[in-house]
C-alpha atoms as a PDB file:
ATOM      1  CA  MET A   1      51.863 -26.677   5.493  1.00  0.00           C
ATOM      2  CA  SER A   2      51.750 -29.072   2.587  1.00  0.00           C
ATOM      3  CA  ILE A   3      51.369 -27.982  -0.997  1.00  0.00           C
ATOM      4  CA  ARG A   4      48.182 -29.997  -1.222  1.00  0.00           C
ATOM      5  CA  ARG A   5      46.622 -28.072   1.663  1.00  0.00           C
ATOM      6  CA  VAL A   6      47.674 -24.699   0.148  1.00  0.00           C
ATOM      7  CA  LEU A   7      46.219 -25.686  -3.221  1.00  0.00           C
ATOM      8  CA  CYS A   8      42.919 -26.723  -1.571  1.00  0.00           C
ATOM      9  CA  LYS A   9      42.676 -23.373   0.215  1.00  0.00           C
ATOM     10  CA  CYS A  10      43.466 -21.494  -3.005  1.00  0.00           C
ATOM     11  CA  TRP A  11      40.879 -23.536  -4.883  1.00  0.00           C
ATOM     12  CA  LEU A  12      38.257 -22.871  -2.228  1.00  0.00           C
ATOM     13  CA  LEU A  13      39.026 -19.149  -2.233  1.00  0.00           C
ATOM     14  CA  LEU A  14      38.750 -19.068  -6.025  1.00  0.00           C
ATOM     15  CA  VAL A  15      35.379 -20.845  -6.028  1.00  0.00           C
ATOM     16  CA  VAL A  16      33.950 -18.543  -3.352  1.00  0.00           C
ATOM     17  CA  SER A  17      35.228 -15.447  -5.190  1.00  0.00           C
ATOM     18  CA  LEU A  18      33.769 -16.532  -8.517  1.00  0.00           C
ATOM     19  CA  SER A  19      30.370 -17.351  -7.057  1.00  0.00           C
ATOM     20  CA  ALA A  20      30.246 -13.936  -5.350  1.00  0.00           C
ATOM     21  CA  MET A  21      31.097 -12.277  -8.666  1.00  0.00           C
ATOM     22  CA  ASP A  22      28.245 -14.141 -10.380  1.00  0.00           C
ATOM     23  CA  VAL A  23      25.745 -12.859  -7.822  1.00  0.00           C
ATOM     24  CA  VAL A  24      26.929  -9.265  -8.265  1.00  0.00           C
ATOM     25  CA  ALA A  25      26.852  -9.599 -12.067  1.00  0.00           C
ATOM     26  CA  LEU A  26      23.309 -11.020 -12.067  1.00  0.00           C
ATOM     27  CA  GLU A  27      21.914  -8.145 -10.000  1.00  0.00           C
ATOM     28  CA  GLY A  28      22.372  -5.802 -12.963  1.00  0.00           C
ATOM     29  CA  LEU A  29      20.477  -8.021 -15.430  1.00  0.00           C
ATOM     30  CA  LYS A  30      16.864  -7.246 -16.317  1.00  0.00           C
ATOM     31  CA  ASP A  31      14.216  -9.896 -16.856  1.00  0.00           C
ATOM     32  CA  PRO A  32      13.080  -9.592 -20.504  1.00  0.00           C
ATOM     33  CA  THR A  33       9.664 -11.055 -19.610  1.00  0.00           C
ATOM     34  CA  ARG A  34       8.952  -8.418 -16.935  1.00  0.00           C
ATOM     35  CA  PRO A  35       6.435  -5.749 -18.042  1.00  0.00           C
ATOM     36  CA  SER A  36       8.034  -2.425 -18.961  1.00  0.00           C
ATOM     37  CA  HIS A  37       6.001  -0.574 -16.321  1.00  0.00           C
ATOM     38  CA  PHE A  38       7.257  -2.796 -13.474  1.00  0.00           C
ATOM     39  CA  SER A  39       9.734  -1.533 -10.885  1.00  0.00           C
ATOM     40  CA  SER A  40      10.939  -3.530  -7.910  1.00  0.00           C
ATOM     41  CA  ALA A  41      11.319  -0.307  -5.901  1.00  0.00           C
ATOM     42  CA  GLY A  42       7.626   0.439  -6.229  1.00  0.00           C
ATOM     43  CA  ASN A  43       5.914   0.923  -9.531  1.00  0.00           C
ATOM     44  CA  VAL A  44       7.219   4.349 -10.500  1.00  0.00           C
ATOM     45  CA  TYR A  45       5.655   4.202 -13.960  1.00  0.00           C
ATOM     46  CA  LEU A  46       2.154   3.438 -12.666  1.00  0.00           C
ATOM     47  CA  ASP A  47       2.468   5.926  -9.816  1.00  0.00           C
ATOM     48  CA  GLY A  48       3.217   8.606 -12.405  1.00  0.00           C
ATOM     49  CA  LEU A  49       0.195   7.583 -14.470  1.00  0.00           C
ATOM     50  CA  LYS A  50      -2.062   7.672 -11.403  1.00  0.00           C
ATOM     51  CA  LYS A  51      -1.140  11.295 -10.797  1.00  0.00           C
ATOM     52  CA  GLN A  52      -2.450  12.204 -14.272  1.00  0.00           C
ATOM     53  CA  TYR A  53      -5.970  11.156 -13.301  1.00  0.00           C
ATOM     54  CA  VAL A  54      -7.916  12.974 -10.593  1.00  0.00           C
ATOM     55  CA  LEU A  55     -11.184  11.390  -9.509  1.00  0.00           C
ATOM     56  CA  ASN A  56     -13.523  14.301  -8.814  1.00  0.00           C
ATOM     57  CA  SER A  57     -16.796  12.502  -8.043  1.00  0.00           C
ATOM     58  CA  ILE A  58     -18.805   9.286  -8.357  1.00  0.00           C
ATOM     59  CA  LEU A  59     -22.542   8.765  -8.804  1.00  0.00           C
ATOM     60  CA  ILE A  60     -23.930   5.263  -8.389  1.00  0.00           C
ATOM     61  CA  SER A  61     -27.626   4.469  -8.711  1.00  0.00           C
ATOM     62  CA  ASP A  62     -29.678   1.449  -9.741  1.00  0.00           C
ATOM     63  CA  GLN A  63     -29.703   2.654 -13.357  1.00  0.00           C
ATOM     64  CA  ARG A  64     -26.150   3.947 -13.839  1.00  0.00           C
ATOM     65  CA  ARG A  65     -22.597   4.370 -12.631  1.00  0.00           C
ATOM     66  CA  VAL A  66     -20.940   7.655 -13.504  1.00  0.00           C
ATOM     67  CA  ALA A  67     -17.611   9.148 -12.492  1.00  0.00           C
ATOM     68  CA  VAL A  68     -15.969  12.490 -13.142  1.00  0.00           C
ATOM     69  CA  ILE A  69     -12.242  12.212 -13.839  1.00  0.00           C
ATOM     70  CA  ASN A  70     -10.212  15.342 -14.615  1.00  0.00           C
ATOM     71  CA  GLY A  71     -13.535  17.169 -14.966  1.00  0.00           C
ATOM     72  CA  GLN A  72     -14.795  14.765 -17.648  1.00  0.00           C
ATOM     73  CA  ARG A  73     -17.913  12.612 -17.149  1.00  0.00           C
ATOM     74  CA  VAL A  74     -17.241   8.905 -17.851  1.00  0.00           C
ATOM     75  CA  THR A  75     -19.029   5.579 -17.540  1.00  0.00           C
ATOM     76  CA  GLU A  76     -17.699   2.016 -17.575  1.00  0.00           C
ATOM     77  CA  GLY A  77     -16.076   1.238 -20.923  1.00  0.00           C
ATOM     78  CA  ASP A  78     -15.386   4.906 -21.775  1.00  0.00           C
ATOM     79  CA  ARG A  79     -11.927   6.129 -22.752  1.00  0.00           C
ATOM     80  CA  ILE A  80     -10.271   9.104 -21.074  1.00  0.00           C
ATOM     81  CA  GLU A  81      -6.904  10.115 -22.539  1.00  0.00           C
ATOM     82  CA  ASN A  82      -4.956   6.811 -22.795  1.00  0.00           C
ATOM     83  CA  ALA A  83      -7.049   4.961 -20.175  1.00  0.00           C
ATOM     84  CA  VAL A  84     -10.196   2.856 -20.366  1.00  0.00           C
ATOM     85  CA  VAL A  85     -12.659   2.905 -17.451  1.00  0.00           C
ATOM     86  CA  ARG A  86     -12.868  -0.720 -16.322  1.00  0.00           C
ATOM     87  CA  GLY A  87     -15.167  -0.265 -13.319  1.00  0.00           C
ATOM     88  CA  ILE A  88     -16.774   2.298 -11.048  1.00  0.00           C
ATOM     89  CA  GLN A  89     -17.148   1.457  -7.375  1.00  0.00           C
ATOM     90  CA  LYS A  90     -18.357   3.414  -4.336  1.00  0.00           C
ATOM     91  CA  SER A  91     -15.090   5.269  -3.650  1.00  0.00           C
ATOM     92  CA  GLN A  92     -12.774   4.345  -6.540  1.00  0.00           C
ATOM     93  CA  VAL A  93     -12.576   3.907 -10.283  1.00  0.00           C
ATOM     94  CA  SER A  94     -10.567   1.144 -11.960  1.00  0.00           C
ATOM     95  CA  LEU A  95      -8.700   2.089 -15.123  1.00  0.00           C
ATOM     96  CA  VAL A  96      -6.694   0.086 -17.655  1.00  0.00           C
ATOM     97  CA  ILE A  97      -3.663   1.964 -18.960  1.00  0.00           C
ATOM     98  CA  ASP A  98      -1.178   0.288 -21.294  1.00  0.00           C
ATOM     99  CA  GLY A  99      -2.474  -3.106 -20.142  1.00  0.00           C
ATOM    100  CA  ALA A 100      -1.992  -2.278 -16.456  1.00  0.00           C
ATOM    101  CA  ASN A 101      -4.869  -2.051 -13.966  1.00  0.00           C
ATOM    102  CA  ILE A 102      -4.887   1.124 -11.857  1.00  0.00           C
ATOM    103  CA  ASP A 103      -7.346   2.180  -9.170  1.00  0.00           C
ATOM    104  CA  ILE A 104      -7.844   5.865  -8.467  1.00  0.00           C
ATOM    105  CA  HIS A 105      -9.625   6.914  -5.298  1.00  0.00           C
ATOM    106  CA  LEU A 106     -11.741   9.819  -4.184  1.00  0.00           C
ATOM    107  CA  SER A 107      -9.838  12.139  -1.932  1.00  0.00           C
ATOM    108  CA  LYS A 108     -11.192  12.363   1.594  1.00  0.00           C
ATOM    109  CA  ASN A 109     -12.240  15.957   0.901  1.00  0.00           C
ATOM    110  CA  ASN A 110     -14.555  14.830  -1.946  1.00  0.00           C
ATOM    111  CA  PHE A 111     -16.136  11.847  -0.168  1.00  0.00           C
ATOM    112  CA  LYS A 112     -19.786  12.311   0.874  1.00  0.00           C
ATOM    113  CA  HIS A 113     -22.211   9.685   2.155  1.00  0.00           C
END
């Protein structure tokens, strides 16, 4: 085997090794523009926040929309703990917490038609 051929193989092996190392190194980097509550494995932060809020009931009529969350009566625009009630729908309430939108739902045990 010629020296030229050996050097080409060594060069190729080096290039492949370095590119593989770059990929492994980049996997550990975090995107500084990604919101702090984001997780690629499922949004653990938001899931934890959701568990803090229990939607007990919803009343919707022509004149008003009212929900009971954690035993407290709220309407659209009200604040409950660190969340703002963004909207009240038939079976869910939309909250804004730390700039993130979260929907909490009535449990099947509390849902009546």
